[in-house]
C-alpha cells in the first residue's frame, strides 16, 4: 500500500518541480529583457511568474512600478507587489517596503511599520536594512531608543561595507559606557543571519 502511494506521489512531485522551473524561466526571461531596456517584455514575463507566486518577479514588478519602467509610475502598485514578495521572505522587498513606510510613499507614513520590515530584511543580512534599523534605534523612531542595539546594527552594516556607519558608531559610543560598548560588540560578533524558507 505504501509503495503504491509513493508511486502515485512521484509524478506529482516531478510535475511540481517542472512547473517551478518554468516559473523561474519566466522570471529570468523578464530579467534579461529588463536589462536590455525592453520593459514591456519584462513586465509580461514577470506578471506571469508573479501571479504564480515567484517572489523575485513580484519584487521586480514593484521596482518597475516604483520607477515607472514600462508602466505609469505608481507607488501603490509598487507597495502591493513588494508586500507579496516581502511576506514570502524576500529581503529586498522587505527593505523596499520599509522604505515606503518610512517615506509615506504609496502607504501612510509609519515608522513602526518601517522598523518591522527593515528588521526582517536586516535579520537576513540586508546591509541597507541593518544601517537603517541602527538609525531607527539611535533616533528612537518607531521603536524605543536603544543605543546598544543601534551600535550593534551599525557595526554589522559596517562589516558589510556600508558607508557612513563609522560616523554613527562614533556618535553612539559617546552615549555608551565602556561596558555597554562591549555588550554591543558582543551582540554583533554573535549575530547570525536568519535562514528563511526561500529556495534561492
N, C-alpha and C. Protein backbone atom coordinates (compact mmCIF):
# COMPACT_ATOMS: atom_id res chain seq x y z
N UNK A 1 0.82 -1.20 0.00
CA UNK A 1 0.00 0.00 0.00
C UNK A 1 0.86 1.26 0.00
N UNK A 2 1.90 1.28 0.81
CA UNK A 2 2.78 2.45 0.85
C UNK A 2 3.51 2.65 -0.47
N UNK A 3 3.96 1.55 -1.06
CA UNK A 3 4.66 1.64 -2.34
C UNK A 3 3.75 2.23 -3.41
N UNK A 4 2.50 1.80 -3.41
CA UNK A 4 1.53 2.33 -4.38
C UNK A 4 1.35 3.84 -4.19
N UNK A 5 1.25 4.26 -2.94
CA UNK A 5 1.08 5.69 -2.66
C UNK A 5 2.32 6.48 -3.09
N UNK A 6 3.49 5.94 -2.83
CA UNK A 6 4.74 6.60 -3.22
C UNK A 6 4.82 6.75 -4.73
N UNK A 7 4.44 5.72 -5.45
CA UNK A 7 4.46 5.78 -6.92
C UNK A 7 3.45 6.80 -7.43
N UNK A 8 2.34 6.95 -6.72
CA UNK A 8 1.32 7.92 -7.10
C UNK A 8 1.82 9.35 -6.91
N UNK A 9 2.57 9.56 -5.80
CA UNK A 9 3.06 10.91 -5.48
C UNK A 9 4.25 11.31 -6.33
N UNK A 10 5.00 10.34 -6.85
CA UNK A 10 6.18 10.64 -7.64
C UNK A 10 5.88 11.52 -8.85
N UNK A 11 4.87 11.20 -9.68
CA UNK A 11 4.58 12.08 -10.82
C UNK A 11 4.18 13.49 -10.38
N UNK A 12 3.49 13.59 -9.24
CA UNK A 12 3.08 14.89 -8.74
C UNK A 12 4.29 15.74 -8.37
N UNK A 13 5.29 15.14 -7.72
CA UNK A 13 6.49 15.89 -7.34
C UNK A 13 7.29 16.29 -8.57
N UNK A 14 7.34 15.43 -9.57
CA UNK A 14 8.04 15.77 -10.82
C UNK A 14 7.34 16.93 -11.52
N UNK A 15 6.01 16.90 -11.52
CA UNK A 15 5.24 17.99 -12.13
C UNK A 15 5.47 19.30 -11.40
N UNK A 16 5.50 19.25 -10.08
CA UNK A 16 5.74 20.46 -9.28
C UNK A 16 7.12 21.04 -9.59
N UNK A 17 8.13 20.18 -9.66
CA UNK A 17 9.49 20.63 -9.99
C UNK A 17 9.53 21.25 -11.38
N UNK A 18 8.83 20.64 -12.33
CA UNK A 18 8.78 21.15 -13.70
C UNK A 18 8.13 22.53 -13.75
N UNK A 19 7.00 22.68 -13.05
CA UNK A 19 6.29 23.97 -13.04
C UNK A 19 7.12 25.04 -12.36
N UNK A 20 7.84 24.69 -11.29
CA UNK A 20 8.70 25.64 -10.60
C UNK A 20 9.80 26.13 -11.53
N UNK A 21 10.39 25.23 -12.31
CA UNK A 21 11.45 25.64 -13.23
C UNK A 21 10.89 26.52 -14.35
N UNK A 22 9.64 26.28 -14.76
CA UNK A 22 9.02 27.15 -15.77
C UNK A 22 8.81 28.56 -15.23
N UNK A 23 8.34 28.65 -13.98
CA UNK A 23 8.13 29.96 -13.36
C UNK A 23 9.45 30.72 -13.28
N UNK A 24 10.52 30.02 -12.87
CA UNK A 24 11.82 30.68 -12.78
C UNK A 24 12.31 31.10 -14.17
N UNK A 25 12.00 30.30 -15.18
CA UNK A 25 12.38 30.66 -16.55
C UNK A 25 11.67 31.94 -16.97
N UNK A 26 10.39 32.09 -16.59
CA UNK A 26 9.65 33.32 -16.88
C UNK A 26 10.32 34.51 -16.20
N UNK A 27 10.71 34.31 -14.94
CA UNK A 27 11.38 35.41 -14.23
C UNK A 27 12.68 35.79 -14.93
N UNK A 28 13.51 34.80 -15.27
CA UNK A 28 14.80 35.09 -15.88
C UNK A 28 14.65 35.74 -17.25
N UNK A 29 13.66 35.30 -18.02
CA UNK A 29 13.40 35.94 -19.32
C UNK A 29 13.03 37.40 -19.11
N UNK A 30 12.26 37.68 -18.07
CA UNK A 30 11.91 39.06 -17.74
C UNK A 30 13.11 39.87 -17.32
N UNK A 31 13.98 39.27 -16.52
CA UNK A 31 15.19 39.97 -16.05
C UNK A 31 16.10 40.29 -17.23
N UNK A 32 16.25 39.35 -18.14
CA UNK A 32 17.08 39.57 -19.32
C UNK A 32 16.53 40.71 -20.17
N UNK A 33 15.21 40.72 -20.35
CA UNK A 33 14.56 41.78 -21.13
C UNK A 33 14.71 43.13 -20.44
N UNK A 34 14.56 43.15 -19.11
CA UNK A 34 14.69 44.39 -18.34
C UNK A 34 16.10 44.96 -18.48
N UNK A 35 17.09 44.08 -18.39
CA UNK A 35 18.49 44.52 -18.51
C UNK A 35 18.80 45.10 -19.90
N UNK A 36 18.06 44.64 -20.89
CA UNK A 36 18.22 45.18 -22.25
C UNK A 36 17.39 46.44 -22.47
N UNK A 37 16.60 46.84 -21.47
CA UNK A 37 15.75 48.02 -21.60
C UNK A 37 14.41 47.73 -22.26
N UNK A 38 14.08 46.45 -22.45
CA UNK A 38 12.80 46.07 -23.05
C UNK A 38 11.81 45.81 -21.91
N UNK A 39 11.29 46.91 -21.35
CA UNK A 39 10.48 46.83 -20.15
C UNK A 39 9.13 46.16 -20.38
N UNK A 40 8.55 46.32 -21.55
CA UNK A 40 7.24 45.71 -21.82
C UNK A 40 7.32 44.19 -21.78
N UNK A 41 8.35 43.64 -22.41
CA UNK A 41 8.54 42.18 -22.38
C UNK A 41 8.83 41.72 -20.96
N UNK A 42 9.67 42.47 -20.26
CA UNK A 42 9.99 42.14 -18.87
C UNK A 42 8.72 42.05 -18.03
N UNK A 43 7.86 43.05 -18.18
CA UNK A 43 6.63 43.08 -17.40
C UNK A 43 5.72 41.91 -17.73
N UNK A 44 5.65 41.55 -18.99
CA UNK A 44 4.83 40.40 -19.38
C UNK A 44 5.31 39.12 -18.70
N UNK A 45 6.60 38.91 -18.73
CA UNK A 45 7.18 37.71 -18.12
C UNK A 45 6.99 37.72 -16.61
N UNK A 46 7.28 38.88 -15.99
CA UNK A 46 7.19 38.97 -14.54
C UNK A 46 5.77 38.84 -14.04
N UNK A 47 4.81 39.39 -14.78
CA UNK A 47 3.42 39.27 -14.33
C UNK A 47 3.00 37.81 -14.26
N UNK A 48 3.38 37.06 -15.26
CA UNK A 48 3.04 35.64 -15.28
C UNK A 48 3.68 34.93 -14.09
N UNK A 49 4.97 35.15 -13.90
CA UNK A 49 5.68 34.49 -12.79
C UNK A 49 5.17 34.99 -11.44
N UNK A 50 4.90 36.28 -11.33
CA UNK A 50 4.44 36.87 -10.06
C UNK A 50 3.09 36.31 -9.66
N UNK A 51 2.20 36.15 -10.62
CA UNK A 51 0.87 35.60 -10.31
C UNK A 51 0.96 34.15 -9.86
N UNK A 52 2.04 33.48 -10.24
CA UNK A 52 2.26 32.10 -9.81
C UNK A 52 3.06 32.03 -8.52
N UNK A 53 3.33 33.20 -7.93
CA UNK A 53 3.96 33.24 -6.61
C UNK A 53 5.45 33.45 -6.59
N UNK A 54 6.09 33.74 -7.71
CA UNK A 54 7.54 33.95 -7.73
C UNK A 54 7.85 35.29 -7.06
N UNK A 55 8.51 35.24 -5.90
CA UNK A 55 8.76 36.46 -5.14
C UNK A 55 9.77 37.39 -5.81
N UNK A 56 10.71 36.84 -6.58
CA UNK A 56 11.64 37.71 -7.31
C UNK A 56 10.90 38.51 -8.38
N UNK A 57 9.98 37.85 -9.08
CA UNK A 57 9.18 38.54 -10.08
C UNK A 57 8.31 39.61 -9.42
N UNK A 58 7.75 39.28 -8.27
CA UNK A 58 6.95 40.27 -7.54
C UNK A 58 7.79 41.47 -7.13
N UNK A 59 9.01 41.19 -6.67
CA UNK A 59 9.91 42.29 -6.29
C UNK A 59 10.18 43.21 -7.48
N UNK A 60 10.53 42.62 -8.62
CA UNK A 60 10.88 43.44 -9.79
C UNK A 60 9.67 44.14 -10.40
N UNK A 61 8.49 43.57 -10.24
CA UNK A 61 7.28 44.31 -10.64
C UNK A 61 7.15 45.56 -9.79
N UNK A 62 7.42 45.41 -8.49
CA UNK A 62 7.40 46.57 -7.59
C UNK A 62 8.41 47.62 -8.02
N UNK A 63 9.59 47.18 -8.39
CA UNK A 63 10.63 48.11 -8.87
C UNK A 63 10.14 48.85 -10.11
N UNK A 64 9.52 48.11 -11.03
CA UNK A 64 9.03 48.71 -12.28
C UNK A 64 8.00 49.79 -12.00
N UNK A 65 7.07 49.50 -11.10
CA UNK A 65 6.04 50.50 -10.76
C UNK A 65 6.64 51.67 -10.00
N UNK A 66 7.59 51.40 -9.12
CA UNK A 66 8.22 52.47 -8.35
C UNK A 66 9.01 53.42 -9.24
N UNK A 67 9.67 52.88 -10.26
CA UNK A 67 10.50 53.71 -11.15
C UNK A 67 9.78 54.15 -12.41
N UNK A 68 8.59 53.59 -12.66
CA UNK A 68 7.87 53.93 -13.89
C UNK A 68 8.54 53.37 -15.12
N UNK A 69 9.04 52.14 -15.04
CA UNK A 69 9.70 51.50 -16.17
C UNK A 69 8.72 50.57 -16.87
N UNK A 70 8.23 50.99 -18.03
CA UNK A 70 7.29 50.19 -18.80
C UNK A 70 5.86 50.34 -18.36
N UNK A 71 5.64 51.07 -17.26
CA UNK A 71 4.30 51.34 -16.74
C UNK A 71 4.27 52.77 -16.21
N UNK A 72 3.08 53.27 -15.99
CA UNK A 72 2.96 54.57 -15.34
C UNK A 72 3.43 54.42 -13.89
N UNK A 73 4.27 55.34 -13.44
CA UNK A 73 4.80 55.26 -12.08
C UNK A 73 3.63 55.24 -11.08
N UNK A 74 3.65 54.27 -10.15
CA UNK A 74 2.53 54.08 -9.24
C UNK A 74 3.05 53.40 -7.97
N UNK A 75 3.25 54.20 -6.92
CA UNK A 75 3.79 53.64 -5.68
C UNK A 75 2.82 52.72 -4.96
N UNK A 76 1.52 52.91 -5.18
CA UNK A 76 0.55 52.00 -4.57
C UNK A 76 0.73 50.59 -5.13
N UNK A 77 0.93 50.50 -6.45
CA UNK A 77 1.18 49.20 -7.08
C UNK A 77 2.55 48.65 -6.65
N UNK A 78 3.53 49.52 -6.52
CA UNK A 78 4.84 49.07 -6.05
C UNK A 78 4.72 48.42 -4.68
N UNK A 79 4.00 49.08 -3.79
CA UNK A 79 3.78 48.54 -2.44
C UNK A 79 3.06 47.20 -2.51
N UNK A 80 2.06 47.12 -3.36
CA UNK A 80 1.29 45.87 -3.49
C UNK A 80 2.21 44.70 -3.83
N UNK A 81 3.05 44.87 -4.84
CA UNK A 81 3.92 43.77 -5.27
C UNK A 81 5.03 43.50 -4.27
N UNK A 82 5.58 44.58 -3.69
CA UNK A 82 6.63 44.38 -2.69
C UNK A 82 6.09 43.67 -1.46
N UNK A 83 4.86 43.96 -1.07
CA UNK A 83 4.28 43.29 0.10
C UNK A 83 4.15 41.78 -0.16
N UNK A 84 3.68 41.43 -1.36
CA UNK A 84 3.54 40.00 -1.69
C UNK A 84 4.89 39.28 -1.59
N UNK A 85 5.93 39.91 -2.13
CA UNK A 85 7.26 39.30 -2.08
C UNK A 85 7.81 39.31 -0.66
N UNK A 86 7.60 40.42 0.06
CA UNK A 86 8.11 40.54 1.44
C UNK A 86 7.50 39.49 2.35
N UNK A 87 6.23 39.22 2.16
CA UNK A 87 5.55 38.23 3.00
C UNK A 87 6.08 36.82 2.75
N UNK A 88 6.74 36.62 1.61
CA UNK A 88 7.37 35.33 1.32
C UNK A 88 8.81 35.27 1.80
N UNK A 89 9.29 36.36 2.40
CA UNK A 89 10.65 36.38 2.94
C UNK A 89 11.69 36.99 2.05
N UNK A 90 11.29 37.70 0.99
CA UNK A 90 12.25 38.33 0.08
C UNK A 90 12.82 39.57 0.77
N UNK A 91 14.11 39.53 1.12
CA UNK A 91 14.74 40.60 1.89
C UNK A 91 14.77 41.92 1.14
N UNK A 92 14.98 41.88 -0.18
CA UNK A 92 15.00 43.14 -0.97
C UNK A 92 13.62 43.80 -0.93
N UNK A 93 12.58 42.98 -1.01
CA UNK A 93 11.22 43.52 -0.96
C UNK A 93 10.90 44.04 0.44
N UNK A 94 11.36 43.34 1.46
CA UNK A 94 11.15 43.79 2.83
C UNK A 94 11.81 45.15 3.05
N UNK A 95 13.04 45.28 2.56
CA UNK A 95 13.73 46.55 2.69
C UNK A 95 12.99 47.66 1.95
N UNK A 96 12.57 47.38 0.72
CA UNK A 96 11.87 48.38 -0.09
C UNK A 96 10.55 48.78 0.54
N UNK A 97 9.83 47.80 1.09
CA UNK A 97 8.56 48.10 1.75
C UNK A 97 8.79 48.96 2.99
N UNK A 98 9.85 48.67 3.73
CA UNK A 98 10.20 49.52 4.87
C UNK A 98 10.46 50.95 4.44
N UNK A 99 11.14 51.13 3.31
CA UNK A 99 11.39 52.49 2.79
C UNK A 99 10.09 53.21 2.48
N UNK A 100 9.13 52.48 1.90
CA UNK A 100 7.86 53.10 1.54
C UNK A 100 7.13 53.59 2.79
N UNK A 101 7.15 52.78 3.84
CA UNK A 101 6.52 53.21 5.09
C UNK A 101 7.27 54.38 5.73
N UNK A 102 8.58 54.36 5.65
CA UNK A 102 9.37 55.44 6.24
C UNK A 102 9.10 56.77 5.53
N UNK A 103 9.01 56.71 4.20
CA UNK A 103 8.79 57.92 3.41
C UNK A 103 7.31 58.29 3.29
N UNK A 104 6.42 57.31 3.49
CA UNK A 104 4.99 57.56 3.27
C UNK A 104 4.67 57.59 1.79
N UNK A 105 5.31 56.73 1.01
CA UNK A 105 5.06 56.63 -0.44
C UNK A 105 4.21 55.40 -0.72
N UNK A 106 3.00 55.62 -1.23
CA UNK A 106 2.12 54.50 -1.56
C UNK A 106 1.39 53.92 -0.36
N UNK A 107 1.79 54.33 0.83
CA UNK A 107 1.15 53.94 2.09
C UNK A 107 1.25 55.12 3.05
N UNK A 108 0.40 55.17 4.08
CA UNK A 108 0.57 56.23 5.09
C UNK A 108 1.92 56.08 5.79
N UNK A 109 2.58 57.19 6.07
CA UNK A 109 3.88 57.16 6.74
C UNK A 109 3.72 56.48 8.09
N UNK A 110 4.63 55.53 8.40
CA UNK A 110 4.51 54.78 9.64
C UNK A 110 5.88 54.21 10.01
N UNK A 111 6.52 54.86 11.00
CA UNK A 111 7.86 54.42 11.41
C UNK A 111 7.86 53.02 12.00
N UNK A 112 6.79 52.65 12.70
CA UNK A 112 6.71 51.31 13.30
C UNK A 112 6.71 50.24 12.22
N UNK A 113 5.96 50.47 11.15
CA UNK A 113 5.95 49.52 10.04
C UNK A 113 7.30 49.50 9.31
N UNK A 114 7.92 50.67 9.19
CA UNK A 114 9.25 50.72 8.57
C UNK A 114 10.22 49.85 9.36
N UNK A 115 10.20 49.98 10.69
CA UNK A 115 11.08 49.17 11.55
C UNK A 115 10.77 47.69 11.38
N UNK A 116 9.49 47.34 11.34
CA UNK A 116 9.09 45.94 11.20
C UNK A 116 9.72 45.32 9.95
N UNK A 117 9.58 45.99 8.81
CA UNK A 117 10.07 45.41 7.55
C UNK A 117 11.58 45.49 7.44
N UNK A 118 12.17 46.58 7.93
CA UNK A 118 13.63 46.67 7.92
C UNK A 118 14.25 45.61 8.82
N UNK A 119 13.61 45.32 9.97
CA UNK A 119 14.15 44.29 10.85
C UNK A 119 14.17 42.92 10.15
N UNK A 120 13.08 42.59 9.48
CA UNK A 120 13.02 41.31 8.77
C UNK A 120 14.13 41.20 7.72
N UNK A 121 14.36 42.30 7.00
CA UNK A 121 15.42 42.29 5.99
C UNK A 121 16.80 42.27 6.65
N UNK A 122 16.96 43.07 7.71
CA UNK A 122 18.25 43.14 8.42
C UNK A 122 18.63 41.79 9.01
N UNK A 123 17.64 41.08 9.53
CA UNK A 123 17.91 39.78 10.14
C UNK A 123 18.37 38.75 9.11
N UNK A 124 18.09 39.01 7.84
CA UNK A 124 18.58 38.13 6.77
C UNK A 124 19.93 38.59 6.22
N UNK A 125 20.45 39.72 6.73
CA UNK A 125 21.76 40.19 6.31
C UNK A 125 21.73 41.31 5.29
N UNK A 126 20.57 41.94 5.07
CA UNK A 126 20.49 43.07 4.14
C UNK A 126 21.18 44.27 4.77
N UNK A 127 22.30 44.69 4.19
CA UNK A 127 23.15 45.71 4.80
C UNK A 127 22.45 47.07 4.90
N UNK A 128 21.67 47.45 3.90
CA UNK A 128 20.96 48.73 3.96
C UNK A 128 19.94 48.73 5.08
N UNK A 129 19.26 47.61 5.25
CA UNK A 129 18.27 47.50 6.32
C UNK A 129 18.96 47.53 7.68
N UNK A 130 20.14 46.92 7.80
CA UNK A 130 20.88 46.95 9.06
C UNK A 130 21.24 48.38 9.44
N UNK A 131 21.70 49.14 8.45
CA UNK A 131 22.04 50.54 8.71
C UNK A 131 20.81 51.34 9.13
N UNK A 132 19.72 51.18 8.38
CA UNK A 132 18.52 51.95 8.68
C UNK A 132 17.91 51.55 10.01
N UNK A 133 17.98 50.27 10.35
CA UNK A 133 17.47 49.82 11.65
C UNK A 133 18.32 50.42 12.78
N UNK A 134 19.64 50.47 12.57
CA UNK A 134 20.51 51.12 13.54
C UNK A 134 20.12 52.58 13.74
N UNK A 135 19.81 53.24 12.63
CA UNK A 135 19.40 54.65 12.70
C UNK A 135 18.11 54.81 13.49
N UNK A 136 17.15 53.90 13.27
CA UNK A 136 15.87 53.99 13.98
C UNK A 136 16.07 53.78 15.48
N UNK A 137 16.94 52.84 15.85
CA UNK A 137 17.26 52.65 17.27
C UNK A 137 17.96 53.88 17.83
N UNK A 138 18.85 54.46 17.05
CA UNK A 138 19.60 55.64 17.50
C UNK A 138 18.67 56.82 17.77
N UNK A 139 17.71 57.03 16.85
CA UNK A 139 16.80 58.17 16.97
C UNK A 139 15.57 57.85 17.82
N UNK A 140 15.28 56.58 18.03
CA UNK A 140 14.06 56.21 18.74
C UNK A 140 12.82 56.44 17.88
N UNK A 141 12.92 56.10 16.60
CA UNK A 141 11.81 56.28 15.66
C UNK A 141 11.14 54.92 15.41
N UNK A 142 9.87 54.82 15.75
CA UNK A 142 9.13 53.58 15.52
C UNK A 142 9.50 52.47 16.48
N UNK A 143 10.38 52.77 17.42
CA UNK A 143 10.87 51.77 18.38
C UNK A 143 11.52 52.54 19.52
N UNK A 144 11.61 51.91 20.69
CA UNK A 144 12.25 52.58 21.83
C UNK A 144 13.72 52.83 21.53
N UNK A 145 14.19 54.00 21.90
CA UNK A 145 15.60 54.34 21.67
C UNK A 145 16.48 53.36 22.44
N UNK A 146 17.48 52.82 21.75
CA UNK A 146 18.36 51.82 22.36
C UNK A 146 19.72 51.93 21.68
N UNK A 147 20.67 52.56 22.39
CA UNK A 147 21.98 52.81 21.80
C UNK A 147 22.80 51.54 21.63
N UNK A 148 22.58 50.55 22.48
CA UNK A 148 23.30 49.28 22.32
C UNK A 148 22.87 48.59 21.04
N UNK A 149 21.55 48.53 20.81
CA UNK A 149 21.05 47.94 19.56
C UNK A 149 21.49 48.77 18.35
N UNK A 150 21.48 50.08 18.50
CA UNK A 150 21.93 50.94 17.39
C UNK A 150 23.38 50.62 17.04
N UNK A 151 24.22 50.52 18.05
CA UNK A 151 25.64 50.21 17.84
C UNK A 151 25.80 48.86 17.16
N UNK A 152 25.04 47.86 17.64
CA UNK A 152 25.15 46.53 17.06
C UNK A 152 24.81 46.54 15.57
N UNK A 153 23.66 47.16 15.20
CA UNK A 153 23.24 47.15 13.80
C UNK A 153 24.18 47.98 12.93
N UNK A 154 24.65 49.11 13.45
CA UNK A 154 25.63 49.89 12.69
C UNK A 154 26.92 49.10 12.48
N UNK A 155 27.35 48.36 13.51
CA UNK A 155 28.57 47.56 13.39
C UNK A 155 28.42 46.48 12.34
N UNK A 156 27.26 45.83 12.32
CA UNK A 156 27.01 44.80 11.31
C UNK A 156 27.03 45.40 9.91
N UNK A 157 26.40 46.57 9.76
CA UNK A 157 26.40 47.23 8.45
C UNK A 157 27.81 47.63 8.04
N UNK A 158 28.60 48.08 9.01
CA UNK A 158 29.99 48.48 8.70
C UNK A 158 30.79 47.28 8.20
N UNK A 159 30.60 46.12 8.84
CA UNK A 159 31.33 44.91 8.43
C UNK A 159 31.05 44.56 6.97
N UNK A 160 29.83 44.86 6.53
CA UNK A 160 29.45 44.55 5.15
C UNK A 160 29.74 45.71 4.19
N UNK A 161 30.42 46.75 4.70
CA UNK A 161 30.89 47.82 3.82
C UNK A 161 29.94 48.99 3.61
N UNK A 162 28.92 49.14 4.45
CA UNK A 162 28.02 50.29 4.28
C UNK A 162 28.74 51.58 4.64
N UNK A 163 28.57 52.59 3.79
CA UNK A 163 29.20 53.88 4.05
C UNK A 163 28.45 54.61 5.17
N UNK A 164 29.11 55.54 5.80
CA UNK A 164 28.56 56.43 6.83
C UNK A 164 28.37 55.79 8.20
N UNK A 165 28.59 54.48 8.33
CA UNK A 165 28.35 53.86 9.63
C UNK A 165 29.38 54.29 10.66
N UNK A 166 30.59 54.56 10.23
CA UNK A 166 31.65 54.94 11.18
C UNK A 166 31.24 56.20 11.94
N UNK A 167 30.65 57.16 11.25
CA UNK A 167 30.21 58.40 11.89
C UNK A 167 29.18 58.11 12.97
N UNK A 168 28.22 57.25 12.66
CA UNK A 168 27.17 56.96 13.63
C UNK A 168 27.69 56.10 14.78
N UNK A 169 28.60 55.19 14.49
CA UNK A 169 29.18 54.39 15.58
C UNK A 169 29.89 55.32 16.56
N UNK A 170 30.61 56.30 16.05
CA UNK A 170 31.29 57.28 16.91
C UNK A 170 30.28 58.05 17.76
N UNK A 171 29.19 58.49 17.13
CA UNK A 171 28.15 59.24 17.86
C UNK A 171 27.51 58.39 18.95
N UNK A 172 27.23 57.13 18.62
CA UNK A 172 26.59 56.23 19.59
C UNK A 172 27.53 55.95 20.75
N UNK A 173 28.81 55.72 20.45
CA UNK A 173 29.75 55.38 21.51
C UNK A 173 29.91 56.50 22.53
N UNK A 174 29.67 57.74 22.12
CA UNK A 174 29.72 58.87 23.05
C UNK A 174 28.59 58.81 24.07
N UNK A 175 27.56 58.01 23.77
CA UNK A 175 26.40 57.91 24.65
C UNK A 175 26.42 56.62 25.48
N UNK A 176 27.44 55.79 25.28
CA UNK A 176 27.50 54.50 25.95
C UNK A 176 28.69 54.42 26.91
N UNK A 177 28.54 53.58 27.93
CA UNK A 177 29.67 53.28 28.80
C UNK A 177 30.57 52.25 28.11
N UNK A 178 31.75 52.03 28.67
CA UNK A 178 32.67 51.04 28.12
C UNK A 178 32.01 49.65 28.14
N UNK A 179 31.31 49.34 29.22
CA UNK A 179 30.64 48.03 29.33
C UNK A 179 29.53 47.89 28.29
N UNK A 180 28.80 48.97 28.05
CA UNK A 180 27.73 48.92 27.06
C UNK A 180 28.28 48.75 25.64
N UNK A 181 29.40 49.40 25.36
CA UNK A 181 30.05 49.22 24.05
C UNK A 181 30.49 47.76 23.89
N UNK A 182 31.05 47.20 24.95
CA UNK A 182 31.48 45.80 24.90
C UNK A 182 30.28 44.88 24.66
N UNK A 183 29.15 45.19 25.28
CA UNK A 183 27.93 44.39 25.09
C UNK A 183 27.45 44.47 23.64
N UNK A 184 27.46 45.69 23.08
CA UNK A 184 27.04 45.87 21.68
C UNK A 184 27.97 45.10 20.74
N UNK A 185 29.27 45.15 21.03
CA UNK A 185 30.24 44.43 20.19
C UNK A 185 30.05 42.92 20.31
N UNK A 186 29.75 42.45 21.52
CA UNK A 186 29.50 41.02 21.72
C UNK A 186 28.28 40.58 20.90
N UNK A 187 27.20 41.38 20.95
CA UNK A 187 25.98 41.05 20.21
C UNK A 187 26.27 41.00 18.70
N UNK A 188 27.07 41.94 18.23
CA UNK A 188 27.41 41.96 16.80
C UNK A 188 28.24 40.74 16.42
N UNK A 189 29.16 40.34 17.28
CA UNK A 189 30.01 39.17 16.99
C UNK A 189 29.20 37.88 16.99
N UNK A 190 28.21 37.79 17.85
CA UNK A 190 27.41 36.57 17.97
C UNK A 190 26.27 36.51 16.96
N UNK A 191 25.98 37.62 16.31
CA UNK A 191 24.83 37.68 15.40
C UNK A 191 25.00 36.73 14.22
N UNK A 192 23.92 36.07 13.87
CA UNK A 192 23.90 35.20 12.70
C UNK A 192 22.65 35.53 11.89
N UNK A 193 22.75 35.56 10.56
CA UNK A 193 21.55 35.84 9.76
C UNK A 193 20.53 34.72 9.89
N UNK A 194 19.26 35.12 9.84
CA UNK A 194 18.18 34.13 9.89
C UNK A 194 18.05 33.49 8.52
N UNK A 195 17.80 32.21 8.54
CA UNK A 195 17.59 31.48 7.28
C UNK A 195 16.09 31.43 7.04
N UNK A 196 15.68 31.83 5.85
CA UNK A 196 14.25 31.77 5.51
C UNK A 196 13.99 30.47 4.77
N UNK A 197 12.71 30.25 4.46
CA UNK A 197 12.36 29.04 3.73
C UNK A 197 12.43 29.23 2.23
N UNK A 198 13.05 30.35 1.79
CA UNK A 198 13.20 30.59 0.35
C UNK A 198 14.22 29.63 -0.21
N UNK A 199 14.10 29.34 -1.49
CA UNK A 199 14.97 28.35 -2.12
C UNK A 199 16.19 28.95 -2.80
N UNK A 200 16.27 30.28 -2.90
CA UNK A 200 17.43 30.86 -3.61
C UNK A 200 18.57 31.16 -2.67
